[in-house]
PDB file of N, CA and C in Angstrom:
ATOM      1  N   MET A   1     -16.978 -27.341  40.109  1.00  0.00           N
ATOM      2  CA  MET A   1     -17.317 -25.895  39.845  1.00  0.00           C
ATOM      3  C   MET A   1     -18.253 -25.588  39.010  1.00  0.00           C
ATOM      4  N   ASN A   2     -18.731 -24.795  39.058  1.00  0.00           N
ATOM      5  CA  ASN A   2     -19.994 -24.190  38.387  1.00  0.00           C
ATOM      6  C   ASN A   2     -19.731 -23.073  37.154  1.00  0.00           C
ATOM      7  N   TYR A   3     -18.304 -22.836  37.268  1.00  0.00           N
ATOM      8  CA  TYR A   3     -17.996 -21.894  36.053  1.00  0.00           C
ATOM      9  C   TYR A   3     -16.530 -22.160  36.004  1.00  0.00           C
ATOM     10  N   ALA A   4     -16.155 -21.840  34.678  1.00  0.00           N
ATOM     11  CA  ALA A   4     -14.651 -21.655  34.125  1.00  0.00           C
ATOM     12  C   ALA A   4     -14.264 -20.743  33.170  1.00  0.00           C
ATOM     13  N   PHE A   5     -13.143 -20.516  33.076  1.00  0.00           N
ATOM     14  CA  PHE A   5     -12.860 -19.372  32.281  1.00  0.00           C
ATOM     15  C   PHE A   5     -11.774 -20.528  31.139  1.00  0.00           C
ATOM     16  N   GLU A   6     -12.500 -20.737  30.131  1.00  0.00           N
ATOM     17  CA  GLU A   6     -11.662 -21.614  28.665  1.00  0.00           C
ATOM     18  C   GLU A   6     -11.125 -20.591  27.900  1.00  0.00           C
ATOM     19  N   LEU A   7      -9.985 -21.031  27.230  1.00  0.00           N
ATOM     20  CA  LEU A   7      -9.590 -20.324  26.134  1.00  0.00           C
ATOM     21  C   LEU A   7      -9.830 -20.394  24.885  1.00  0.00           C
ATOM     22  N   ASP A   8     -10.122 -19.384  24.332  1.00  0.00           N
ATOM     23  CA  ASP A   8     -10.971 -19.487  22.729  1.00  0.00           C
ATOM     24  C   ASP A   8     -10.054 -18.988  21.952  1.00  0.00           C
ATOM     25  N   ASP A   9      -9.607 -20.206  21.125  1.00  0.00           N
ATOM     26  CA  ASP A   9      -8.424 -20.249  20.186  1.00  0.00           C
ATOM     27  C   ASP A   9      -8.698 -19.212  19.360  1.00  0.00           C
ATOM     28  N   ARG A  10      -9.489 -18.475  18.810  1.00  0.00           N
ATOM     29  CA  ARG A  10      -9.854 -17.823  18.004  1.00  0.00           C
ATOM     30  C   ARG A  10      -9.527 -16.312  18.363  1.00  0.00           C
ATOM     31  N   LEU A  11     -10.060 -16.181  19.498  1.00  0.00           N
ATOM     32  CA  LEU A  11      -9.914 -14.793  20.188  1.00  0.00           C
ATOM     33  C   LEU A  11      -8.552 -14.739  21.027  1.00  0.00           C
ATOM     34  N   GLY A  12      -7.915 -15.775  21.225  1.00  0.00           N
ATOM     35  CA  GLY A  12      -6.819 -15.602  21.968  1.00  0.00           C
ATOM     36  C   GLY A  12      -7.003 -15.385  23.371  1.00  0.00           C
ATOM     37  N   ILE A  13      -8.138 -15.373  24.125  1.00  0.00           N
ATOM     38  CA  ILE A  13      -8.277 -15.138  25.326  1.00  0.00           C
ATOM     39  C   ILE A  13      -9.378 -15.978  26.176  1.00  0.00           C
ATOM     40  N   PRO A  14      -9.252 -16.348  27.313  1.00  0.00           N
ATOM     41  CA  PRO A  14     -10.075 -17.375  28.096  1.00  0.00           C
ATOM     42  C   PRO A  14     -11.334 -16.637  28.250  1.00  0.00           C
ATOM     43  N   LEU A  15     -12.634 -17.237  27.940  1.00  0.00           N
ATOM     44  CA  LEU A  15     -13.908 -16.506  28.285  1.00  0.00           C
ATOM     45  C   LEU A  15     -14.583 -17.599  29.361  1.00  0.00           C
ATOM     46  N   PRO A  16     -15.601 -16.619  29.798  1.00  0.00           N
ATOM     47  CA  PRO A  16     -16.481 -17.391  30.991  1.00  0.00           C
ATOM     48  C   PRO A  16     -17.021 -18.543  30.278  1.00  0.00           C
ATOM     49  N   ARG A  17     -17.309 -19.636  31.102  1.00  0.00           N
ATOM     50  CA  ARG A  17     -17.946 -20.781  30.636  1.00  0.00           C
ATOM     51  C   ARG A  17     -18.988 -21.163  31.839  1.00  0.00           C
ATOM     52  N   LEU A  18     -20.348 -20.625  32.142  1.00  0.00           N
ATOM     53  CA  LEU A  18     -21.153 -20.656  33.236  1.00  0.00           C
ATOM     54  C   LEU A  18     -22.059 -21.523  33.229  1.00  0.00           C
ATOM     55  N   SER A  19     -22.548 -22.538  34.245  1.00  0.00           N
ATOM     56  CA  SER A  19     -23.544 -23.288  34.286  1.00  0.00           C
ATOM     57  C   SER A  19     -24.724 -22.945  34.594  1.00  0.00           C
ATOM     58  N   LYS A  20     -24.882 -21.898  35.022  1.00  0.00           N
ATOM     59  CA  LYS A  20     -25.921 -20.989  35.612  1.00  0.00           C
ATOM     60  C   LYS A  20     -25.744 -19.715  35.349  1.00  0.00           C
ATOM     61  N   ASP A  21     -27.080 -18.787  35.166  1.00  0.00           N
ATOM     62  CA  ASP A  21     -27.122 -17.262  35.012  1.00  0.00           C
ATOM     63  C   ASP A  21     -26.204 -16.883  36.337  1.00  0.00           C
ATOM     64  N   PHE A  22     -25.542 -15.939  35.789  1.00  0.00           N
ATOM     65  CA  PHE A  22     -24.262 -14.978  36.597  1.00  0.00           C
ATOM     66  C   PHE A  22     -25.098 -14.875  38.255  1.00  0.00           C
ATOM     67  N   ASP A  23     -26.522 -14.251  38.121  1.00  0.00           N
ATOM     68  CA  ASP A  23     -27.141 -13.906  39.372  1.00  0.00           C
ATOM     69  C   ASP A  23     -27.339 -15.164  40.124  1.00  0.00           C
ATOM     70  N   GLU A  24     -27.310 -16.193  39.658  1.00  0.00           N
ATOM     71  CA  GLU A  24     -27.415 -17.426  40.673  1.00  0.00           C
ATOM     72  C   GLU A  24     -26.332 -17.874  41.505  1.00  0.00           C
ATOM     73  N   PHE A  25     -25.142 -17.364  40.974  1.00  0.00           N
ATOM     74  CA  PHE A  25     -23.945 -17.592  41.695  1.00  0.00           C
ATOM     75  C   PHE A  25     -24.122 -16.769  43.340  1.00  0.00           C
ATOM     76  N   THR A  26     -23.246 -17.269  44.172  1.00  0.00           N
ATOM     77  CA  THR A  26     -23.201 -16.467  45.624  1.00  0.00           C
ATOM     78  C   THR A  26     -22.279 -15.370  45.332  1.00  0.00           C
ATOM     79  N   GLU A  27     -22.285 -14.378  46.303  1.00  0.00           N
ATOM     80  CA  GLU A  27     -21.573 -13.084  46.081  1.00  0.00           C
ATOM     81  C   GLU A  27     -20.158 -13.598  46.119  1.00  0.00           C
ATOM     82  N   HIS A  28     -19.691 -14.481  46.811  1.00  0.00           N
ATOM     83  CA  HIS A  28     -18.242 -14.916  46.734  1.00  0.00           C
ATOM     84  C   HIS A  28     -17.755 -15.418  45.422  1.00  0.00           C
ATOM     85  N   GLU A  29     -18.712 -16.158  44.739  1.00  0.00           N
ATOM     86  CA  GLU A  29     -18.404 -16.865  43.509  1.00  0.00           C
ATOM     87  C   GLU A  29     -18.140 -15.794  42.383  1.00  0.00           C
ATOM     88  N   GLN A  30     -19.321 -14.499  42.442  1.00  0.00           N
ATOM     89  CA  GLN A  30     -19.500 -13.552  41.686  1.00  0.00           C
ATOM     90  C   GLN A  30     -18.150 -12.756  41.551  1.00  0.00           C
ATOM     91  N   SER A  31     -17.720 -12.301  43.033  1.00  0.00           N
ATOM     92  CA  SER A  31     -16.493 -11.580  43.046  1.00  0.00           C
ATOM     93  C   SER A  31     -15.414 -12.340  42.598  1.00  0.00           C
ATOM     94  N   GLU A  32     -15.122 -13.554  42.626  1.00  0.00           N
ATOM     95  CA  GLU A  32     -14.046 -14.241  42.245  1.00  0.00           C
ATOM     96  C   GLU A  32     -14.162 -14.322  40.713  1.00  0.00           C
ATOM     97  N   MET A  33     -15.297 -14.527  39.967  1.00  0.00           N
ATOM     98  CA  MET A  33     -15.350 -14.326  38.664  1.00  0.00           C
ATOM     99  C   MET A  33     -15.065 -13.133  38.078  1.00  0.00           C
ATOM    100  N   LEU A  34     -15.574 -12.255  38.687  1.00  0.00           N
ATOM    101  CA  LEU A  34     -15.350 -10.463  38.337  1.00  0.00           C
ATOM    102  C   LEU A  34     -13.566 -10.367  38.511  1.00  0.00           C
ATOM    103  N   LEU A  35     -13.226 -11.027  39.578  1.00  0.00           N
ATOM    104  CA  LEU A  35     -11.594 -10.344  39.524  1.00  0.00           C
ATOM    105  C   LEU A  35     -10.788 -11.229  38.411  1.00  0.00           C
ATOM    106  N   CYS A  36     -11.161 -12.431  38.313  1.00  0.00           N
ATOM    107  CA  CYS A  36     -10.580 -13.114  37.230  1.00  0.00           C
ATOM    108  C   CYS A  36     -10.845 -12.711  36.001  1.00  0.00           C
ATOM    109  N   TRP A  37     -12.154 -12.203  35.642  1.00  0.00           N
ATOM    110  CA  TRP A  37     -12.557 -11.398  34.506  1.00  0.00           C
ATOM    111  C   TRP A  37     -11.720 -10.061  34.107  1.00  0.00           C
ATOM    112  N   GLU A  38     -11.669  -9.575  35.408  1.00  0.00           N
ATOM    113  CA  GLU A  38     -10.788  -8.143  35.167  1.00  0.00           C
ATOM    114  C   GLU A  38      -9.115  -8.317  34.789  1.00  0.00           C
ATOM    115  N   GLU A  39      -8.989  -9.427  35.119  1.00  0.00           N
ATOM    116  CA  GLU A  39      -7.277  -9.754  34.636  1.00  0.00           C
ATOM    117  C   GLU A  39      -7.374 -10.076  33.480  1.00  0.00           C
ATOM    118  N   ILE A  40      -8.514 -10.827  32.923  1.00  0.00           N
ATOM    119  CA  ILE A  40      -8.177 -11.393  31.189  1.00  0.00           C
ATOM    120  C   ILE A  40      -8.494 -10.259  30.661  1.00  0.00           C
ATOM    121  N   ARG A  41      -9.316  -9.464  31.089  1.00  0.00           N
ATOM    122  CA  ARG A  41     -10.175  -8.235  30.555  1.00  0.00           C
ATOM    123  C   ARG A  41      -8.871  -7.101  30.117  1.00  0.00           C
ATOM    124  N   GLY A  42      -7.882  -7.110  31.392  1.00  0.00           N
ATOM    125  CA  GLY A  42      -6.854  -6.417  31.124  1.00  0.00           C
ATOM    126  C   GLY A  42      -5.822  -6.678  29.670  1.00  0.00           C
ATOM    127  N   THR A  43      -6.018  -7.952  29.114  1.00  0.00           N
ATOM    128  CA  THR A  43      -4.981  -8.323  28.218  1.00  0.00           C
ATOM    129  C   THR A  43      -5.440  -8.396  26.681  1.00  0.00           C
ATOM    130  N   ILE A  44      -6.939  -7.726  26.873  1.00  0.00           N
ATOM    131  CA  ILE A  44      -7.465  -7.647  25.566  1.00  0.00           C
ATOM    132  C   ILE A  44      -6.978  -6.495  24.749  1.00  0.00           C
ATOM    133  N   PRO A  45      -6.521  -5.348  25.443  1.00  0.00           N
ATOM    134  CA  PRO A  45      -5.982  -4.201  24.157  1.00  0.00           C
ATOM    135  C   PRO A  45      -4.707  -4.607  23.583  1.00  0.00           C
ATOM    136  N   ASP A  46      -3.883  -5.703  24.308  1.00  0.00           N
ATOM    137  CA  ASP A  46      -2.398  -6.285  23.778  1.00  0.00           C
ATOM    138  C   ASP A  46      -2.866  -7.086  22.784  1.00  0.00           C
ATOM    139  N   ARG A  47      -3.978  -7.956  22.830  1.00  0.00           N
ATOM    140  CA  ARG A  47      -4.320  -8.582  21.869  1.00  0.00           C
ATOM    141  C   ARG A  47      -4.875  -8.375  20.522  1.00  0.00           C
ATOM    142  N   ILE A  48      -5.601  -7.123  20.771  1.00  0.00           N
ATOM    143  CA  ILE A  48      -6.007  -6.618  19.534  1.00  0.00           C
ATOM    144  C   ILE A  48      -4.871  -5.813  19.015  1.00  0.00           C
ATOM    145  N   LYS A  49      -3.818  -5.345  19.715  1.00  0.00           N
ATOM    146  CA  LYS A  49      -2.982  -4.808  18.926  1.00  0.00           C
ATOM    147  C   LYS A  49      -2.014  -5.632  18.493  1.00  0.00           C
ATOM    148  N   GLN A  50      -1.756  -6.940  18.717  1.00  0.00           N
ATOM    149  CA  GLN A  50      -1.408  -7.982  18.119  1.00  0.00           C
ATOM    150  C   GLN A  50      -1.991  -8.271  16.549  1.00  0.00           C
ATOM    151  N   LEU A  51      -3.431  -8.384  16.676  1.00  0.00           N
ATOM    152  CA  LEU A  51      -3.921  -8.665  15.533  1.00  0.00           C
ATOM    153  C   LEU A  51      -4.085  -7.519  14.616  1.00  0.00           C
ATOM    154  N   GLU A  52      -4.058  -6.437  15.097  1.00  0.00           N
ATOM    155  CA  GLU A  52      -3.778  -5.228  14.157  1.00  0.00           C
ATOM    156  C   GLU A  52      -2.532  -5.088  13.503  1.00  0.00           C
ATOM    157  N   ARG A  53      -1.355  -5.614  14.060  1.00  0.00           N
ATOM    158  CA  ARG A  53      -0.057  -5.798  13.371  1.00  0.00           C
ATOM    159  C   ARG A  53      -0.042  -6.892  12.149  1.00  0.00           C
ATOM    160  N   ILE A  54      -0.979  -8.002  12.573  1.00  0.00           N
ATOM    161  CA  ILE A  54      -1.084  -8.909  11.807  1.00  0.00           C
ATOM    162  C   ILE A  54      -1.793  -8.609  10.363  1.00  0.00           C
ATOM    163  N   ILE A  55      -2.874  -7.848  10.603  1.00  0.00           N
ATOM    164  CA  ILE A  55      -3.811  -7.252   9.675  1.00  0.00           C
ATOM    165  C   ILE A  55      -2.791  -6.264   8.669  1.00  0.00           C
ATOM    166  N   ILE A  56      -2.233  -5.377   9.344  1.00  0.00           N
ATOM    167  CA  ILE A  56      -1.129  -4.467   8.601  1.00  0.00           C
ATOM    168  C   ILE A  56      -0.347  -5.214   7.646  1.00  0.00           C
ATOM    169  N   ALA A  57       0.476  -6.309   8.330  1.00  0.00           N
ATOM    170  CA  ALA A  57       1.296  -7.036   7.509  1.00  0.00           C
ATOM    171  C   ALA A  57       0.541  -7.863   6.234  1.00  0.00           C
ATOM    172  N   LYS A  58      -0.299  -8.158   6.436  1.00  0.00           N
ATOM    173  CA  LYS A  58      -1.352  -8.612   5.244  1.00  0.00           C
ATOM    174  C   LYS A  58      -1.773  -7.857   4.502  1.00  0.00           C
ATOM    175  N   GLN A  59      -2.091  -6.627   4.987  1.00  0.00           N
ATOM    176  CA  GLN A  59      -2.795  -5.409   3.958  1.00  0.00           C
ATOM    177  C   GLN A  59      -1.452  -5.067   3.000  1.00  0.00           C
ATOM    178  N   GLU A  60      -0.214  -5.126   3.474  1.00  0.00           N
ATOM    179  CA  GLU A  60       1.154  -4.663   2.863  1.00  0.00           C
ATOM    180  C   GLU A  60       1.329  -5.587   1.686  1.00  0.00           C
ATOM    181  N   GLN A  61       1.118  -7.176   2.062  1.00  0.00           N
ATOM    182  CA  GLN A  61       1.470  -8.323   1.310  1.00  0.00           C
ATOM    183  C   GLN A  61       0.288  -8.146   0.064  1.00  0.00           C
ATOM    184  N   LEU A  62      -0.768  -7.770   0.362  1.00  0.00           N
ATOM    185  CA  LEU A  62      -1.885  -7.582  -0.671  1.00  0.00           C
ATOM    186  C   LEU A  62      -1.648  -6.281  -1.483  1.00  0.00           C
ATOM    187  N   ASN A  63      -1.078  -5.607  -1.013  1.00  0.00           N
ATOM    188  CA  ASN A  63      -0.569  -4.167  -2.147  1.00  0.00           C
ATOM    189  C   ASN A  63       0.287  -4.564  -3.081  1.00  0.00           C
ATOM    190  N   VAL A  64       0.913  -5.621  -2.995  1.00  0.00           N
ATOM    191  CA  VAL A  64       1.897  -5.812  -3.695  1.00  0.00           C
ATOM    192  C   VAL A  64       1.892  -7.480  -4.474  1.00  0.00           C
ATOM    193  N   GLU A  65       0.592  -7.938  -4.192  1.00  0.00           N
ATOM    194  CA  GLU A  65       0.207  -9.458  -4.945  1.00  0.00           C
ATOM    195  C   GLU A  65      -0.483  -9.000  -5.861  1.00  0.00           C
ATOM    196  N   ASP A  66       0.058 -10.041  -7.147  1.00  0.00           N
ATOM    197  CA  ASP A  66      -0.530  -9.991  -8.617  1.00  0.00           C
ATOM    198  C   ASP A  66      -1.514 -11.144  -8.855  1.00  0.00           C
ATOM    199  N   ASN A  67      -1.337 -12.053  -7.730  1.00  0.00           N
ATOM    200  CA  ASN A  67      -2.196 -12.931  -8.181  1.00  0.00           C
ATOM    201  C   ASN A  67      -3.522 -13.247  -7.253  1.00  0.00           C
ATOM    202  N   PHE A  68      -4.561 -13.006  -8.127  1.00  0.00           N
ATOM    203  CA  PHE A  68      -6.015 -12.646  -7.937  1.00  0.00           C
ATOM    204  C   PHE A  68      -6.321 -13.637  -6.793  1.00  0.00           C
ATOM    205  N   VAL A  69      -6.167 -15.071  -6.914  1.00  0.00           N
ATOM    206  CA  VAL A  69      -6.385 -16.013  -5.788  1.00  0.00           C
ATOM    207  C   VAL A  69      -5.890 -15.671  -4.548  1.00  0.00           C
ATOM    208  N   ARG A  70      -4.691 -15.553  -4.534  1.00  0.00           N
ATOM    209  CA  ARG A  70      -4.004 -15.225  -3.291  1.00  0.00           C
ATOM    210  C   ARG A  70      -4.487 -13.814  -2.733  1.00  0.00           C
ATOM    211  N   SER A  71      -4.880 -12.870  -3.507  1.00  0.00           N
ATOM    212  CA  SER A  71      -5.390 -11.540  -3.091  1.00  0.00           C
ATOM    213  C   SER A  71      -6.589 -11.983  -2.584  1.00  0.00           C
ATOM    214  N   CYS A  72      -7.431 -12.635  -3.034  1.00  0.00           N
ATOM    215  CA  CYS A  72      -8.579 -13.182  -2.471  1.00  0.00           C
ATOM    216  C   CYS A  72      -8.488 -13.654  -1.091  1.00  0.00           C
ATOM    217  N   LEU A  73      -7.612 -14.531  -1.082  1.00  0.00           N
ATOM    218  CA  LEU A  73      -7.054 -15.140   0.440  1.00  0.00           C
ATOM    219  C   LEU A  73      -6.792 -14.495   1.462  1.00  0.00           C
ATOM    220  N   LEU A  74      -5.806 -13.545   1.086  1.00  0.00           N
ATOM    221  CA  LEU A  74      -5.365 -12.373   1.941  1.00  0.00           C
ATOM    222  C   LEU A  74      -6.604 -11.574   2.530  1.00  0.00           C
ATOM    223  N   ASN A  75      -7.418 -10.837   1.607  1.00  0.00           N
ATOM    224  CA  ASN A  75      -8.528 -10.327   1.930  1.00  0.00           C
ATOM    225  C   ASN A  75      -9.568 -11.154   2.881  1.00  0.00           C
ATOM    226  N   SER A  76      -9.800 -12.589   2.716  1.00  0.00           N
ATOM    227  CA  SER A  76     -10.534 -13.113   3.762  1.00  0.00           C
ATOM    228  C   SER A  76      -9.899 -13.116   5.076  1.00  0.00           C
ATOM    229  N   GLU A  77      -8.843 -13.269   4.731  1.00  0.00           N
ATOM    230  CA  GLU A  77      -7.947 -13.505   6.304  1.00  0.00           C
ATOM    231  C   GLU A  77      -8.002 -12.175   7.322  1.00  0.00           C
ATOM    232  N   ILE A  78      -7.865 -10.756   6.400  1.00  0.00           N
ATOM    233  CA  ILE A  78      -7.799  -9.522   6.990  1.00  0.00           C
ATOM    234  C   ILE A  78      -9.353  -9.376   7.121  1.00  0.00           C
ATOM    235  N   ALA A  79     -10.338  -9.987   6.709  1.00  0.00           N
ATOM    236  CA  ALA A  79     -11.767  -9.637   7.261  1.00  0.00           C
ATOM    237  C   ALA A  79     -12.198 -10.641   8.359  1.00  0.00           C
ATOM    238  N   GLU A  80     -11.378 -11.596   8.301  1.00  0.00           N
ATOM    239  CA  GLU A  80     -11.680 -12.691   9.736  1.00  0.00           C
ATOM    240  C   GLU A  80     -10.961 -12.139  10.948  1.00  0.00           C
ATOM    241  N   LEU A  81      -9.720 -11.256  10.778  1.00  0.00           N
ATOM    242  CA  LEU A  81      -9.092 -10.757  11.988  1.00  0.00           C
ATOM    243  C   LEU A  81      -9.634  -9.488  12.313  1.00  0.00           C
ATOM    244  N   ALA A  82     -10.279  -9.009  11.441  1.00  0.00           N
ATOM    245  CA  ALA A  82     -11.030  -7.715  11.771  1.00  0.00           C
ATOM    246  C   ALA A  82     -12.252  -8.020  12.520  1.00  0.00           C
ATOM    247  N   GLY A  83     -12.791  -9.124  12.096  1.00  0.00           N
ATOM    248  CA  GLY A  83     -14.358  -9.543  12.851  1.00  0.00           C
ATOM    249  C   GLY A  83     -13.479 -10.217  14.435  1.00  0.00           C
ATOM    250  N   THR A  84     -12.682 -10.748  14.337  1.00  0.00           N
ATOM    251  CA  THR A  84     -12.098 -11.039  15.659  1.00  0.00           C
ATOM    252  C   THR A  84     -11.944  -9.893  16.764  1.00  0.00           C
ATOM    253  N   ILE A  85     -11.029  -8.839  15.966  1.00  0.00           N
ATOM    254  CA  ILE A  85     -11.106  -7.550  16.867  1.00  0.00           C
ATOM    255  C   ILE A  85     -12.283  -6.928  17.339  1.00  0.00           C
ATOM    256  N   ASN A  86     -13.154  -7.042  16.508  1.00  0.00           N
ATOM    257  CA  ASN A  86     -14.798  -6.488  16.803  1.00  0.00           C
ATOM    258  C   ASN A  86     -15.384  -7.191  17.930  1.00  0.00           C
ATOM    259  N   GLU A  87     -15.233  -8.759  17.964  1.00  0.00           N
ATOM    260  CA  GLU A  87     -15.616  -9.442  19.110  1.00  0.00           C
ATOM    261  C   GLU A  87     -14.820  -9.179  20.082  1.00  0.00           C
ATOM    262  N   LEU A  88     -13.571  -9.054  19.917  1.00  0.00           N
ATOM    263  CA  LEU A  88     -12.792  -8.593  21.288  1.00  0.00           C
ATOM    264  C   LEU A  88     -13.224  -7.323  21.869  1.00  0.00           C
ATOM    265  N   HIS A  89     -13.636  -6.198  20.760  1.00  0.00           N
ATOM    266  CA  HIS A  89     -14.027  -4.921  21.801  1.00  0.00           C
ATOM    267  C   HIS A  89     -15.373  -5.077  22.395  1.00  0.00           C
ATOM    268  N   LEU A  90     -16.330  -6.019  21.868  1.00  0.00           N
ATOM    269  CA  LEU A  90     -17.200  -6.408  22.569  1.00  0.00           C
ATOM    270  C   LEU A  90     -17.208  -7.164  24.011  1.00  0.00           C
ATOM    271  N   TRP A  91     -16.247  -8.040  23.960  1.00  0.00           N
ATOM    272  CA  TRP A  91     -15.881  -8.851  25.241  1.00  0.00           C
ATOM    273  C   TRP A  91     -15.305  -7.687  26.345  1.00  0.00           C
ATOM    274  N   PHE A  92     -14.386  -6.883  25.804  1.00  0.00           N
ATOM    275  CA  PHE A  92     -13.525  -5.780  26.620  1.00  0.00           C
ATOM    276  C   PHE A  92     -14.944  -5.087  27.429  1.00  0.00           C
ATOM    277  N   ARG A  93     -15.897  -4.769  26.809  1.00  0.00           N
ATOM    278  CA  ARG A  93     -17.076  -3.809  27.279  1.00  0.00           C
ATOM    279  C   ARG A  93     -17.824  -4.456  28.400  1.00  0.00           C
ATOM    280  N   VAL A  94     -17.543  -6.234  28.500  1.00  0.00           N
ATOM    281  CA  VAL A  94     -18.240  -6.834  29.231  1.00  0.00           C
ATOM    282  C   VAL A  94     -17.525  -6.832  30.521  1.00  0.00           C
ATOM    283  N   ASN A  95     -18.167  -6.224  31.749  1.00  0.00           N
ATOM    284  CA  ASN A  95     -17.653  -6.549  33.064  1.00  0.00           C
ATOM    285  C   ASN A  95     -18.414  -6.637  34.006  1.00  0.00           C
ATOM    286  N   GLN A  96     -19.378  -6.276  34.667  1.00  0.00           N
ATOM    287  CA  GLN A  96     -20.253  -6.575  35.432  1.00  0.00           C
ATOM    288  C   GLN A  96     -21.199  -7.636  35.459  1.00  0.00           C
ATOM    289  N   ASP A  97     -21.774  -7.818  34.115  1.00  0.00           N
ATOM    290  CA  ASP A  97     -22.304  -8.963  33.876  1.00  0.00           C
ATOM    291  C   ASP A  97     -22.035 -10.220  32.659  1.00  0.00           C
ATOM    292  N   ILE A  98     -21.310 -10.936  33.661  1.00  0.00           N
ATOM    293  CA  ILE A  98     -20.670 -11.884  32.915  1.00  0.00           C
ATOM    294  C   ILE A  98     -21.675 -12.947  32.587  1.00  0.00           C
ATOM    295  N   THR A  99     -21.748 -13.273  30.856  1.00  0.00           N
ATOM    296  CA  THR A  99     -22.611 -14.130  30.708  1.00  0.00           C
ATOM    297  C   THR A  99     -22.085 -15.268  29.734  1.00  0.00           C
ATOM    298  N   PRO A 100     -22.618 -16.243  29.894  1.00  0.00           N
ATOM    299  CA  PRO A 100     -22.037 -17.331  28.921  1.00  0.00           C
ATOM    300  C   PRO A 100     -22.403 -16.564  27.417  1.00  0.00           C
ATOM    301  N   GLY A 101     -21.735 -16.896  26.133  1.00  0.00           N
ATOM    302  CA  GLY A 101     -21.902 -16.033  24.899  1.00  0.00           C
ATOM    303  C   GLY A 101     -22.135 -17.534  24.163  1.00  0.00           C
ATOM    304  N   PRO A 102     -22.253 -17.323  23.003  1.00  0.00           N
ATOM    305  CA  PRO A 102     -22.828 -18.760  22.070  1.00  0.00           C
ATOM    306  C   PRO A 102     -21.168 -19.114  21.907  1.00  0.00           C
ATOM    307  N   ALA A 103     -21.532 -20.548  21.414  1.00  0.00           N
ATOM    308  CA  ALA A 103     -20.215 -21.252  21.044  1.00  0.00           C
ATOM    309  C   ALA A 103     -19.321 -20.408  19.973  1.00  0.00           C
ATOM    310  N   HIS A 104     -18.272 -20.208  20.247  1.00  0.00           N
ATOM    311  CA  HIS A 104     -17.249 -19.297  19.476  1.00  0.00           C
ATOM    312  C   HIS A 104     -16.505 -20.470  18.441  1.00  0.00           C
ATOM    313  N   HIS A 105     -16.043 -20.204  17.259  1.00  0.00           N
ATOM    314  CA  HIS A 105     -15.502 -21.083  16.648  1.00  0.00           C
ATOM    315  C   HIS A 105     -13.996 -20.242  15.926  1.00  0.00           C
TER     316      HIS A 105
END
């Protein structure tokens, strides 16, 4: 197969991995990919809400944390989660033009 949807551990959703440009696939393959993507795309809002709940919990921990090093760690974790949410928002906007993105870590 010339495409697959592989789970991105950080984002928590499968992302498209294409062996060629989307336009080079047959109409049937494009339709299959778009159908699969729409199902995945529909899960993104719930994933964002899940991450937002984690951020809120970490912010609550931060509000009562007296240890500077631990506070820095919590801030870093919150920033990472916020970045993940931003990326999920970008993927949510991807619909008709499925293109392989850079490797995600």
